[in-house]
Amino acid sequence: MQDLSNTQYFKVEREPEIEVKDVLAQVYKALTEKGYNPVNQIVGYIMSGDPTYITSHASARSLIMKVDREELVEEVLEQYIKTNGWS
C-alpha cells in the first residue's frame, strides 16, 4: 500500500525555447530543400496565417507555428534595419 502522508512530485520537462531567427533559418532551409521560393512562402504565411504555405519537411510547419506571426515580422524588420545600417 502507498504511503499517502508524503507529497508526490510531478515534473514536466519543457522544450528549450528556440529563437525566432533560428526558426526562420530552419524554415528557410526546409523550403529551399523542397524547391520552393522561401521568401514567397514565408510572406504568404505571414500575410495569411495559413500554415500550408510552409512545408512539413523537416518539421518546418510545426516549428513556425510556435512563433507568433508578429514576432516573425519584427525579426525580419530588425535584421533588415541592422543590415542597412539604420540603427
PDB file of N, CA and C in Angstrom:
ATOM      1  N   MET A   1       0.835  -1.182   0.000  1.00  0.00           N
ATOM      2  CA  MET A   1       0.000   0.000   0.000  1.00  0.00           C
ATOM      3  C   MET A   1       0.885   1.253   0.000  1.00  0.00           C
ATOM      4  N   GLN A   2       0.439   2.293  -0.709  1.00  0.00           N
ATOM      5  CA  GLN A   2       1.203   3.536  -0.800  1.00  0.00           C
ATOM      6  C   GLN A   2       1.142   4.331   0.495  1.00  0.00           C
ATOM      7  N   ASP A   3       2.235   5.049   0.748  1.00  0.00           N
ATOM      8  CA  ASP A   3       2.278   5.960   1.890  1.00  0.00           C
ATOM      9  C   ASP A   3       1.651   7.277   1.438  1.00  0.00           C
ATOM     10  N   LEU A   4       0.467   7.569   1.924  1.00  0.00           N
ATOM     11  CA  LEU A   4      -0.270   8.756   1.476  1.00  0.00           C
ATOM     12  C   LEU A   4       0.064  10.008   2.281  1.00  0.00           C
ATOM     13  N   SER A   5       1.007   9.910   3.188  1.00  0.00           N
ATOM     14  CA  SER A   5       1.358  11.071   4.008  1.00  0.00           C
ATOM     15  C   SER A   5       2.408  11.966   3.334  1.00  0.00           C
ATOM     16  N   ASN A   6       3.031  11.489   2.284  1.00  0.00           N
ATOM     17  CA  ASN A   6       4.044  12.277   1.573  1.00  0.00           C
ATOM     18  C   ASN A   6       3.478  12.822   0.271  1.00  0.00           C
ATOM     19  N   THR A   7       3.930  14.016  -0.081  1.00  0.00           N
ATOM     20  CA  THR A   7       3.527  14.634  -1.343  1.00  0.00           C
ATOM     21  C   THR A   7       4.362  14.060  -2.471  1.00  0.00           C
ATOM     22  N   GLN A   8       3.690  13.710  -3.539  1.00  0.00           N
ATOM     23  CA  GLN A   8       4.384  13.204  -4.719  1.00  0.00           C
ATOM     24  C   GLN A   8       4.701  14.385  -5.632  1.00  0.00           C
ATOM     25  N   TYR A   9       5.788  14.285  -6.348  1.00  0.00           N
ATOM     26  CA  TYR A   9       6.195  15.346  -7.258  1.00  0.00           C
ATOM     27  C   TYR A   9       6.025  14.881  -8.695  1.00  0.00           C
ATOM     28  N   PHE A  10       5.583  15.816  -9.500  1.00  0.00           N
ATOM     29  CA  PHE A  10       5.419  15.556 -10.924  1.00  0.00           C
ATOM     30  C   PHE A  10       6.107  16.686 -11.661  1.00  0.00           C
ATOM     31  N   LYS A  11       7.050  16.349 -12.514  1.00  0.00           N
ATOM     32  CA  LYS A  11       7.803  17.369 -13.226  1.00  0.00           C
ATOM     33  C   LYS A  11       7.649  17.160 -14.727  1.00  0.00           C
ATOM     34  N   VAL A  12       7.278  18.220 -15.400  1.00  0.00           N
ATOM     35  CA  VAL A  12       7.141  18.189 -16.852  1.00  0.00           C
ATOM     36  C   VAL A  12       8.330  18.931 -17.437  1.00  0.00           C
ATOM     37  N   GLU A  13       9.056  18.269 -18.305  1.00  0.00           N
ATOM     38  CA  GLU A  13      10.198  18.900 -18.963  1.00  0.00           C
ATOM     39  C   GLU A  13       9.692  19.813 -20.065  1.00  0.00           C
ATOM     40  N   ARG A  14      10.191  21.032 -20.078  1.00  0.00           N
ATOM     41  CA  ARG A  14       9.835  21.984 -21.133  1.00  0.00           C
ATOM     42  C   ARG A  14      10.807  21.856 -22.289  1.00  0.00           C
ATOM     43  N   GLU A  15      10.270  22.097 -23.462  1.00  0.00           N
ATOM     44  CA  GLU A  15      11.144  22.149 -24.630  1.00  0.00           C
ATOM     45  C   GLU A  15      11.996  23.401 -24.530  1.00  0.00           C
ATOM     46  N   PRO A  16      13.259  23.312 -24.913  1.00  0.00           N
ATOM     47  CA  PRO A  16      14.073  24.528 -24.886  1.00  0.00           C
ATOM     48  C   PRO A  16      13.507  25.538 -25.888  1.00  0.00           C
ATOM     49  N   GLU A  17      13.492  26.806 -25.484  1.00  0.00           N
ATOM     50  CA  GLU A  17      12.961  27.841 -26.371  1.00  0.00           C
ATOM     51  C   GLU A  17      13.937  28.083 -27.507  1.00  0.00           C
ATOM     52  N   ILE A  18      13.382  28.238 -28.682  1.00  0.00           N
ATOM     53  CA  ILE A  18      14.210  28.483 -29.855  1.00  0.00           C
ATOM     54  C   ILE A  18      13.981  29.926 -30.279  1.00  0.00           C
ATOM     55  N   GLU A  19      15.040  30.585 -30.684  1.00  0.00           N
ATOM     56  CA  GLU A  19      14.929  31.981 -31.096  1.00  0.00           C
ATOM     57  C   GLU A  19      14.248  32.087 -32.455  1.00  0.00           C
ATOM     58  N   VAL A  20      13.581  33.205 -32.657  1.00  0.00           N
ATOM     59  CA  VAL A  20      12.838  33.439 -33.894  1.00  0.00           C
ATOM     60  C   VAL A  20      13.762  33.355 -35.103  1.00  0.00           C
ATOM     61  N   LYS A  21      14.970  33.914 -34.987  1.00  0.00           N
ATOM     62  CA  LYS A  21      15.893  33.886 -36.130  1.00  0.00           C
ATOM     63  C   LYS A  21      16.279  32.451 -36.480  1.00  0.00           C
ATOM     64  N   ASP A  22      16.365  31.578 -35.484  1.00  0.00           N
ATOM     65  CA  ASP A  22      16.682  30.175 -35.743  1.00  0.00           C
ATOM     66  C   ASP A  22      15.511  29.452 -36.400  1.00  0.00           C
ATOM     67  N   VAL A  23      14.292  29.802 -36.001  1.00  0.00           N
ATOM     68  CA  VAL A  23      13.099  29.242 -36.634  1.00  0.00           C
ATOM     69  C   VAL A  23      13.079  29.634 -38.108  1.00  0.00           C
ATOM     70  N   LEU A  24      13.301  30.912 -38.375  1.00  0.00           N
ATOM     71  CA  LEU A  24      13.297  31.371 -39.769  1.00  0.00           C
ATOM     72  C   LEU A  24      14.376  30.677 -40.588  1.00  0.00           C
ATOM     73  N   ALA A  25      15.551  30.496 -40.005  1.00  0.00           N
ATOM     74  CA  ALA A  25      16.647  29.835 -40.721  1.00  0.00           C
ATOM     75  C   ALA A  25      16.291  28.393 -41.057  1.00  0.00           C
ATOM     76  N   GLN A  26      15.708  27.692 -40.107  1.00  0.00           N
ATOM     77  CA  GLN A  26      15.353  26.289 -40.345  1.00  0.00           C
ATOM     78  C   GLN A  26      14.222  26.157 -41.359  1.00  0.00           C
ATOM     79  N   VAL A  27      13.242  27.043 -41.266  1.00  0.00           N
ATOM     80  CA  VAL A  27      12.131  27.020 -42.219  1.00  0.00           C
ATOM     81  C   VAL A  27      12.631  27.376 -43.614  1.00  0.00           C
ATOM     82  N   TYR A  28      13.481  28.377 -43.708  1.00  0.00           N
ATOM     83  CA  TYR A  28      14.070  28.779 -44.990  1.00  0.00           C
ATOM     84  C   TYR A  28      14.805  27.597 -45.629  1.00  0.00           C
ATOM     85  N   LYS A  29      15.595  26.898 -44.833  1.00  0.00           N
ATOM     86  CA  LYS A  29      16.352  25.758 -45.332  1.00  0.00           C
ATOM     87  C   LYS A  29      15.423  24.651 -45.824  1.00  0.00           C
ATOM     88  N   ALA A  30      14.393  24.352 -45.048  1.00  0.00           N
ATOM     89  CA  ALA A  30      13.456  23.290 -45.432  1.00  0.00           C
ATOM     90  C   ALA A  30      12.725  23.642 -46.728  1.00  0.00           C
ATOM     91  N   LEU A  31      12.303  24.895 -46.860  1.00  0.00           N
ATOM     92  CA  LEU A  31      11.617  25.312 -48.089  1.00  0.00           C
ATOM     93  C   LEU A  31      12.546  25.226 -49.291  1.00  0.00           C
ATOM     94  N   THR A  32      13.793  25.634 -49.106  1.00  0.00           N
ATOM     95  CA  THR A  32      14.780  25.563 -50.189  1.00  0.00           C
ATOM     96  C   THR A  32      15.027  24.115 -50.598  1.00  0.00           C
ATOM     97  N   GLU A  33      15.166  23.243 -49.611  1.00  0.00           N
ATOM     98  CA  GLU A  33      15.402  21.819 -49.896  1.00  0.00           C
ATOM     99  C   GLU A  33      14.268  21.204 -50.708  1.00  0.00           C
ATOM    100  N   LYS A  34      13.050  21.674 -50.501  1.00  0.00           N
ATOM    101  CA  LYS A  34      11.903  21.142 -51.236  1.00  0.00           C
ATOM    102  C   LYS A  34      11.666  21.864 -52.561  1.00  0.00           C
ATOM    103  N   GLY A  35      12.496  22.862 -52.876  1.00  0.00           N
ATOM    104  CA  GLY A  35      12.392  23.535 -54.168  1.00  0.00           C
ATOM    105  C   GLY A  35      11.443  24.721 -54.206  1.00  0.00           C
ATOM    106  N   TYR A  36      10.986  25.177 -53.067  1.00  0.00           N
ATOM    107  CA  TYR A  36      10.099  26.334 -53.023  1.00  0.00           C
ATOM    108  C   TYR A  36      10.906  27.625 -52.961  1.00  0.00           C
ATOM    109  N   ASN A  37      10.267  28.732 -53.308  1.00  0.00           N
ATOM    110  CA  ASN A  37      10.862  30.044 -53.105  1.00  0.00           C
ATOM    111  C   ASN A  37      10.569  30.420 -51.653  1.00  0.00           C
ATOM    112  N   PRO A  38      11.568  30.356 -50.778  1.00  0.00           N
ATOM    113  CA  PRO A  38      11.302  30.547 -49.352  1.00  0.00           C
ATOM    114  C   PRO A  38      10.753  31.922 -48.990  1.00  0.00           C
ATOM    115  N   VAL A  39      11.191  32.962 -49.684  1.00  0.00           N
ATOM    116  CA  VAL A  39      10.695  34.305 -49.381  1.00  0.00           C
ATOM    117  C   VAL A  39       9.199  34.377 -49.670  1.00  0.00           C
ATOM    118  N   ASN A  40       8.793  33.923 -50.848  1.00  0.00           N
ATOM    119  CA  ASN A  40       7.367  33.953 -51.204  1.00  0.00           C
ATOM    120  C   ASN A  40       6.528  33.138 -50.229  1.00  0.00           C
ATOM    121  N   GLN A  41       7.010  31.967 -49.859  1.00  0.00           N
ATOM    122  CA  GLN A  41       6.249  31.090 -48.978  1.00  0.00           C
ATOM    123  C   GLN A  41       6.117  31.679 -47.571  1.00  0.00           C
ATOM    124  N   ILE A  42       7.204  32.229 -47.057  1.00  0.00           N
ATOM    125  CA  ILE A  42       7.165  32.811 -45.713  1.00  0.00           C
ATOM    126  C   ILE A  42       6.271  34.049 -45.700  1.00  0.00           C
ATOM    127  N   VAL A  43       6.367  34.877 -46.723  1.00  0.00           N
ATOM    128  CA  VAL A  43       5.491  36.055 -46.815  1.00  0.00           C
ATOM    129  C   VAL A  43       4.031  35.611 -46.898  1.00  0.00           C
ATOM    130  N   GLY A  44       3.751  34.600 -47.691  1.00  0.00           N
ATOM    131  CA  GLY A  44       2.381  34.075 -47.785  1.00  0.00           C
ATOM    132  C   GLY A  44       1.865  33.627 -46.433  1.00  0.00           C
ATOM    133  N   TYR A  45       2.707  32.947 -45.668  1.00  0.00           N
ATOM    134  CA  TYR A  45       2.311  32.504 -44.331  1.00  0.00           C
ATOM    135  C   TYR A  45       2.067  33.693 -43.407  1.00  0.00           C
ATOM    136  N   ILE A  46       2.985  34.653 -43.408  1.00  0.00           N
ATOM    137  CA  ILE A  46       2.845  35.810 -42.520  1.00  0.00           C
ATOM    138  C   ILE A  46       1.579  36.599 -42.854  1.00  0.00           C
ATOM    139  N   MET A  47       1.309  36.809 -44.131  1.00  0.00           N
ATOM    140  CA  MET A  47       0.164  37.615 -44.544  1.00  0.00           C
ATOM    141  C   MET A  47      -1.173  36.917 -44.278  1.00  0.00           C
ATOM    142  N   SER A  48      -1.219  35.607 -44.499  1.00  0.00           N
ATOM    143  CA  SER A  48      -2.499  34.905 -44.417  1.00  0.00           C
ATOM    144  C   SER A  48      -2.707  34.127 -43.120  1.00  0.00           C
ATOM    145  N   GLY A  49      -1.610  33.694 -42.510  1.00  0.00           N
ATOM    146  CA  GLY A  49      -1.726  32.827 -41.339  1.00  0.00           C
ATOM    147  C   GLY A  49      -1.994  31.383 -41.710  1.00  0.00           C
ATOM    148  N   ASP A  50      -2.006  31.086 -43.000  1.00  0.00           N
ATOM    149  CA  ASP A  50      -2.273  29.728 -43.479  1.00  0.00           C
ATOM    150  C   ASP A  50      -0.987  28.908 -43.424  1.00  0.00           C
ATOM    151  N   PRO A  51      -0.914  27.917 -42.538  1.00  0.00           N
ATOM    152  CA  PRO A  51       0.321  27.155 -42.386  1.00  0.00           C
ATOM    153  C   PRO A  51       0.681  26.279 -43.583  1.00  0.00           C
ATOM    154  N   THR A  52      -0.258  26.104 -44.523  1.00  0.00           N
ATOM    155  CA  THR A  52       0.066  25.272 -45.685  1.00  0.00           C
ATOM    156  C   THR A  52       1.052  25.950 -46.635  1.00  0.00           C
ATOM    157  N   TYR A  53       1.356  27.218 -46.409  1.00  0.00           N
ATOM    158  CA  TYR A  53       2.417  27.870 -47.179  1.00  0.00           C
ATOM    159  C   TYR A  53       3.790  27.308 -46.813  1.00  0.00           C
ATOM    160  N   ILE A  54       3.883  26.681 -45.648  1.00  0.00           N
ATOM    161  CA  ILE A  54       5.151  26.157 -45.155  1.00  0.00           C
ATOM    162  C   ILE A  54       5.139  24.638 -45.263  1.00  0.00           C
ATOM    163  N   THR A  55       6.194  24.092 -45.821  1.00  0.00           N
ATOM    164  CA  THR A  55       6.309  22.650 -45.965  1.00  0.00           C
ATOM    165  C   THR A  55       6.383  21.965 -44.610  1.00  0.00           C
ATOM    166  N   SER A  56       5.913  20.738 -44.573  1.00  0.00           N
ATOM    167  CA  SER A  56       6.050  19.961 -43.337  1.00  0.00           C
ATOM    168  C   SER A  56       7.405  19.267 -43.288  1.00  0.00           C
ATOM    169  N   HIS A  57       8.162  19.359 -44.377  1.00  0.00           N
ATOM    170  CA  HIS A  57       9.506  18.778 -44.433  1.00  0.00           C
ATOM    171  C   HIS A  57      10.359  19.329 -43.291  1.00  0.00           C
ATOM    172  N   ALA A  58      11.073  18.456 -42.624  1.00  0.00           N
ATOM    173  CA  ALA A  58      11.965  18.813 -41.510  1.00  0.00           C
ATOM    174  C   ALA A  58      11.209  19.523 -40.379  1.00  0.00           C
ATOM    175  N   SER A  59       9.920  19.221 -40.248  1.00  0.00           N
ATOM    176  CA  SER A  59       9.062  19.793 -39.194  1.00  0.00           C
ATOM    177  C   SER A  59       8.975  21.317 -39.259  1.00  0.00           C
ATOM    178  N   ALA A  60       9.196  21.882 -40.450  1.00  0.00           N
ATOM    179  CA  ALA A  60       9.193  23.342 -40.599  1.00  0.00           C
ATOM    180  C   ALA A  60       7.840  23.948 -40.260  1.00  0.00           C
ATOM    181  N   ARG A  61       6.765  23.295 -40.676  1.00  0.00           N
ATOM    182  CA  ARG A  61       5.431  23.853 -40.433  1.00  0.00           C
ATOM    183  C   ARG A  61       5.117  23.909 -38.935  1.00  0.00           C
ATOM    184  N   SER A  62       5.370  22.825 -38.234  1.00  0.00           N
ATOM    185  CA  SER A  62       5.071  22.834 -36.797  1.00  0.00           C
ATOM    186  C   SER A  62       5.992  23.804 -36.054  1.00  0.00           C
ATOM    187  N   LEU A  63       7.205  23.961 -36.552  1.00  0.00           N
ATOM    188  CA  LEU A  63       8.160  24.866 -35.920  1.00  0.00           C
ATOM    189  C   LEU A  63       7.718  26.322 -36.069  1.00  0.00           C
ATOM    190  N   ILE A  64       7.337  26.714 -37.273  1.00  0.00           N
ATOM    191  CA  ILE A  64       6.968  28.120 -37.497  1.00  0.00           C
ATOM    192  C   ILE A  64       5.663  28.481 -36.783  1.00  0.00           C
ATOM    193  N   MET A  65       4.816  27.486 -36.570  1.00  0.00           N
ATOM    194  CA  MET A  65       3.546  27.754 -35.895  1.00  0.00           C
ATOM    195  C   MET A  65       3.726  28.005 -34.397  1.00  0.00           C
ATOM    196  N   LYS A  66       4.897  27.737 -33.874  1.00  0.00           N
ATOM    197  CA  LYS A  66       5.182  28.003 -32.460  1.00  0.00           C
ATOM    198  C   LYS A  66       5.528  29.469 -32.214  1.00  0.00           C
ATOM    199  N   VAL A  67       5.698  30.229 -33.300  1.00  0.00           N
ATOM    200  CA  VAL A  67       6.081  31.638 -33.205  1.00  0.00           C
ATOM    201  C   VAL A  67       4.922  32.498 -33.705  1.00  0.00           C
ATOM    202  N   ASP A  68       4.623  33.561 -32.970  1.00  0.00           N
ATOM    203  CA  ASP A  68       3.587  34.493 -33.435  1.00  0.00           C
ATOM    204  C   ASP A  68       4.050  35.149 -34.729  1.00  0.00           C
ATOM    205  N   ARG A  69       3.119  35.357 -35.646  1.00  0.00           N
ATOM    206  CA  ARG A  69       3.475  35.983 -36.921  1.00  0.00           C
ATOM    207  C   ARG A  69       4.033  37.380 -36.723  1.00  0.00           C
ATOM    208  N   GLU A  70       3.553  38.090 -35.714  1.00  0.00           N
ATOM    209  CA  GLU A  70       4.073  39.429 -35.439  1.00  0.00           C
ATOM    210  C   GLU A  70       5.554  39.369 -35.064  1.00  0.00           C
ATOM    211  N   GLU A  71       5.941  38.323 -34.337  1.00  0.00           N
ATOM    212  CA  GLU A  71       7.346  38.156 -33.974  1.00  0.00           C
ATOM    213  C   GLU A  71       8.207  37.883 -35.203  1.00  0.00           C
ATOM    214  N   LEU A  72       7.647  37.173 -36.179  1.00  0.00           N
ATOM    215  CA  LEU A  72       8.376  36.912 -37.420  1.00  0.00           C
ATOM    216  C   LEU A  72       8.632  38.224 -38.158  1.00  0.00           C
ATOM    217  N   VAL A  73       7.601  39.050 -38.266  1.00  0.00           N
ATOM    218  CA  VAL A  73       7.748  40.341 -38.946  1.00  0.00           C
ATOM    219  C   VAL A  73       8.766  41.201 -38.214  1.00  0.00           C
ATOM    220  N   GLU A  74       8.681  41.222 -36.896  1.00  0.00           N
ATOM    221  CA  GLU A  74       9.597  42.022 -36.089  1.00  0.00           C
ATOM    222  C   GLU A  74      11.050  41.586 -36.306  1.00  0.00           C
ATOM    223  N   GLU A  75      11.294  40.296 -36.312  1.00  0.00           N
ATOM    224  CA  GLU A  75      12.657  39.784 -36.504  1.00  0.00           C
ATOM    225  C   GLU A  75      13.193  40.136 -37.885  1.00  0.00           C
ATOM    226  N   VAL A  76      12.369  39.959 -38.902  1.00  0.00           N
ATOM    227  CA  VAL A  76      12.792  40.278 -40.271  1.00  0.00           C
ATOM    228  C   VAL A  76      13.099  41.765 -40.400  1.00  0.00           C
ATOM    229  N   LEU A  77      12.247  42.605 -39.844  1.00  0.00           N
ATOM    230  CA  LEU A  77      12.457  44.052 -39.921  1.00  0.00           C
ATOM    231  C   LEU A  77      13.704  44.479 -39.150  1.00  0.00           C
ATOM    232  N   GLU A  78      13.903  43.909 -37.965  1.00  0.00           N
ATOM    233  CA  GLU A  78      15.098  44.239 -37.186  1.00  0.00           C
ATOM    234  C   GLU A  78      16.372  43.881 -37.950  1.00  0.00           C
ATOM    235  N   GLN A  79      16.396  42.707 -38.560  1.00  0.00           N
ATOM    236  CA  GLN A  79      17.574  42.286 -39.315  1.00  0.00           C
ATOM    237  C   GLN A  79      17.788  43.164 -40.546  1.00  0.00           C
ATOM    238  N   TYR A  80      16.709  43.559 -41.199  1.00  0.00           N
ATOM    239  CA  TYR A  80      16.800  44.438 -42.358  1.00  0.00           C
ATOM    240  C   TYR A  80      17.399  45.783 -41.963  1.00  0.00           C
ATOM    241  N   ILE A  81      16.921  46.327 -40.854  1.00  0.00           N
ATOM    242  CA  ILE A  81      17.420  47.632 -40.374  1.00  0.00           C
ATOM    243  C   ILE A  81      18.898  47.526 -40.017  1.00  0.00           C
ATOM    244  N   LYS A  82      19.296  46.454 -39.323  1.00  0.00           N
ATOM    245  CA  LYS A  82      20.690  46.267 -38.949  1.00  0.00           C
ATOM    246  C   LYS A  82      21.584  46.109 -40.191  1.00  0.00           C
ATOM    247  N   THR A  83      21.096  45.358 -41.165  1.00  0.00           N
ATOM    248  CA  THR A  83      21.871  45.111 -42.377  1.00  0.00           C
ATOM    249  C   THR A  83      22.118  46.392 -43.163  1.00  0.00           C
ATOM    250  N   ASN A  84      21.142  47.287 -43.143  1.00  0.00           N
ATOM    251  CA  ASN A  84      21.244  48.530 -43.889  1.00  0.00           C
ATOM    252  C   ASN A  84      21.865  49.674 -43.082  1.00  0.00           C
ATOM    253  N   GLY A  85      22.301  49.379 -41.863  1.00  0.00           N
ATOM    254  CA  GLY A  85      22.992  50.371 -41.062  1.00  0.00           C
ATOM    255  C   GLY A  85      22.132  51.519 -40.564  1.00  0.00           C
ATOM    256  N   TRP A  86      20.851  51.286 -40.409  1.00  0.00           N
ATOM    257  CA  TRP A  86      19.965  52.332 -39.961  1.00  0.00           C
ATOM    258  C   TRP A  86      19.887  52.448 -38.454  1.00  0.00           C
ATOM    259  N   SER A  87      20.504  51.517 -37.742  1.00  0.00           N
ATOM    260  CA  SER A  87      20.409  51.588 -36.284  1.00  0.00           C
ATOM    261  C   SER A  87      21.745  51.937 -35.672  1.00  0.00           C
TER     262      SER A  87
END
